[in-house]
């Protein structure tokens, strides 16, 4: 399964990114949470890079 599109790893990355978005949204109205939101966005971007690497690897495996 790890080499097919929608692999367990990709689904895990998608779920992690969605959780971060939910956390940022939850912090939306909380004062003085800007640094936390920035940290979460940094983590989100790292996860996005990992996800893009997985997508590239998996598409190569299918071609």
C-alpha atoms as a PDB file:
ATOM      1  CA  UNK A   1       0.000   0.000   0.000  1.00  0.00           C
ATOM      2  CA  UNK A   2       2.864   2.430   0.650  1.00  0.00           C
ATOM      3  CA  UNK A   3       3.571   2.842  -3.063  1.00  0.00           C
ATOM      4  CA  UNK A   4       0.042   3.581  -4.227  1.00  0.00           C
ATOM      5  CA  UNK A   5      -1.665   6.944  -4.394  1.00  0.00           C
ATOM      6  CA  UNK A   6      -3.576   7.622  -1.220  1.00  0.00           C
ATOM      7  CA  UNK A   7      -1.156   5.556   0.809  1.00  0.00           C
ATOM      8  CA  UNK A   8      -1.339   5.325   4.569  1.00  0.00           C
ATOM      9  CA  UNK A   9       1.527   7.793   4.818  1.00  0.00           C
ATOM     10  CA  UNK A  10      -0.219  10.364   2.604  1.00  0.00           C
ATOM     11  CA  UNK A  11      -3.475   9.970   4.484  1.00  0.00           C
ATOM     12  CA  UNK A  12      -1.619  10.469   7.768  1.00  0.00           C
ATOM     13  CA  UNK A  13       0.007  13.633   6.454  1.00  0.00           C
ATOM     14  CA  UNK A  14      -3.345  14.964   5.238  1.00  0.00           C
ATOM     15  CA  UNK A  15      -4.937  14.264   8.625  1.00  0.00           C
ATOM     16  CA  UNK A  16      -2.051  15.975  10.434  1.00  0.00           C
ATOM     17  CA  UNK A  17      -2.347  19.055   8.211  1.00  0.00           C
ATOM     18  CA  UNK A  18      -6.107  19.207   8.792  1.00  0.00           C
ATOM     19  CA  UNK A  19      -5.552  18.978  12.547  1.00  0.00           C
ATOM     20  CA  UNK A  20      -3.156  21.911  12.415  1.00  0.00           C
ATOM     21  CA  UNK A  21      -5.669  23.976  10.439  1.00  0.00           C
ATOM     22  CA  UNK A  22      -8.295  23.158  13.068  1.00  0.00           C
ATOM     23  CA  UNK A  23      -5.908  24.190  15.844  1.00  0.00           C
ATOM     24  CA  UNK A  24      -5.120  27.500  14.130  1.00  0.00           C
ATOM     25  CA  UNK A  25      -8.840  28.160  13.654  1.00  0.00           C
ATOM     26  CA  UNK A  26      -9.476  27.379  17.318  1.00  0.00           C
ATOM     27  CA  UNK A  27      -6.839  29.925  18.300  1.00  0.00           C
ATOM     28  CA  UNK A  28      -8.346  32.553  16.007  1.00  0.00           C
ATOM     29  CA  UNK A  29     -10.021  34.636  18.705  1.00  0.00           C
ATOM     30  CA  UNK A  30      -7.491  34.013  21.464  1.00  0.00           C
ATOM     31  CA  UNK A  31      -5.341  36.996  22.332  1.00  0.00           C
ATOM     32  CA  UNK A  32      -1.557  36.756  22.157  1.00  0.00           C
ATOM     33  CA  UNK A  33      -1.629  33.498  20.179  1.00  0.00           C
ATOM     34  CA  UNK A  34       0.181  34.852  17.112  1.00  0.00           C
ATOM     35  CA  UNK A  35       3.497  33.138  17.889  1.00  0.00           C
ATOM     36  CA  UNK A  36       1.727  29.825  18.439  1.00  0.00           C
ATOM     37  CA  UNK A  37      -0.160  30.198  15.148  1.00  0.00           C
ATOM     38  CA  UNK A  38       3.103  31.012  13.365  1.00  0.00           C
ATOM     39  CA  UNK A  39       4.701  27.883  14.834  1.00  0.00           C
ATOM     40  CA  UNK A  40       1.727  25.812  13.710  1.00  0.00           C
ATOM     41  CA  UNK A  41       1.952  27.277  10.192  1.00  0.00           C
ATOM     42  CA  UNK A  42       5.676  26.419  10.135  1.00  0.00           C
ATOM     43  CA  UNK A  43       4.844  22.832  11.084  1.00  0.00           C
ATOM     44  CA  UNK A  44       2.059  22.772   8.491  1.00  0.00           C
ATOM     45  CA  UNK A  45       4.543  23.855   5.813  1.00  0.00           C
ATOM     46  CA  UNK A  46       6.997  21.125   6.862  1.00  0.00           C
ATOM     47  CA  UNK A  47       4.217  18.557   6.616  1.00  0.00           C
ATOM     48  CA  UNK A  48       3.274  19.933   3.201  1.00  0.00           C
ATOM     49  CA  UNK A  49       6.866  19.456   2.018  1.00  0.00           C
ATOM     50  CA  UNK A  50       6.834  15.869   3.282  1.00  0.00           C
ATOM     51  CA  UNK A  51       3.504  15.294   1.566  1.00  0.00           C
ATOM     52  CA  UNK A  52       4.777  16.709  -1.727  1.00  0.00           C
ATOM     53  CA  UNK A  53       7.818  14.412  -1.514  1.00  0.00           C
ATOM     54  CA  UNK A  54       5.502  11.431  -0.977  1.00  0.00           C
ATOM     55  CA  UNK A  55       3.320  12.464  -3.918  1.00  0.00           C
ATOM     56  CA  UNK A  56       6.358  12.712  -6.183  1.00  0.00           C
ATOM     57  CA  UNK A  57       7.738   9.376  -4.998  1.00  0.00           C
ATOM     58  CA  UNK A  58       4.391   7.633  -5.414  1.00  0.00           C
ATOM     59  CA  UNK A  59       3.766   9.092  -8.864  1.00  0.00           C
ATOM     60  CA  UNK A  60       7.188   7.833  -9.983  1.00  0.00           C
ATOM     61  CA  UNK A  61       6.303   4.375  -8.715  1.00  0.00           C
ATOM     62  CA  UNK A  62       3.146   4.394 -10.851  1.00  0.00           C
ATOM     63  CA  UNK A  63       4.866   5.444 -14.084  1.00  0.00           C
END
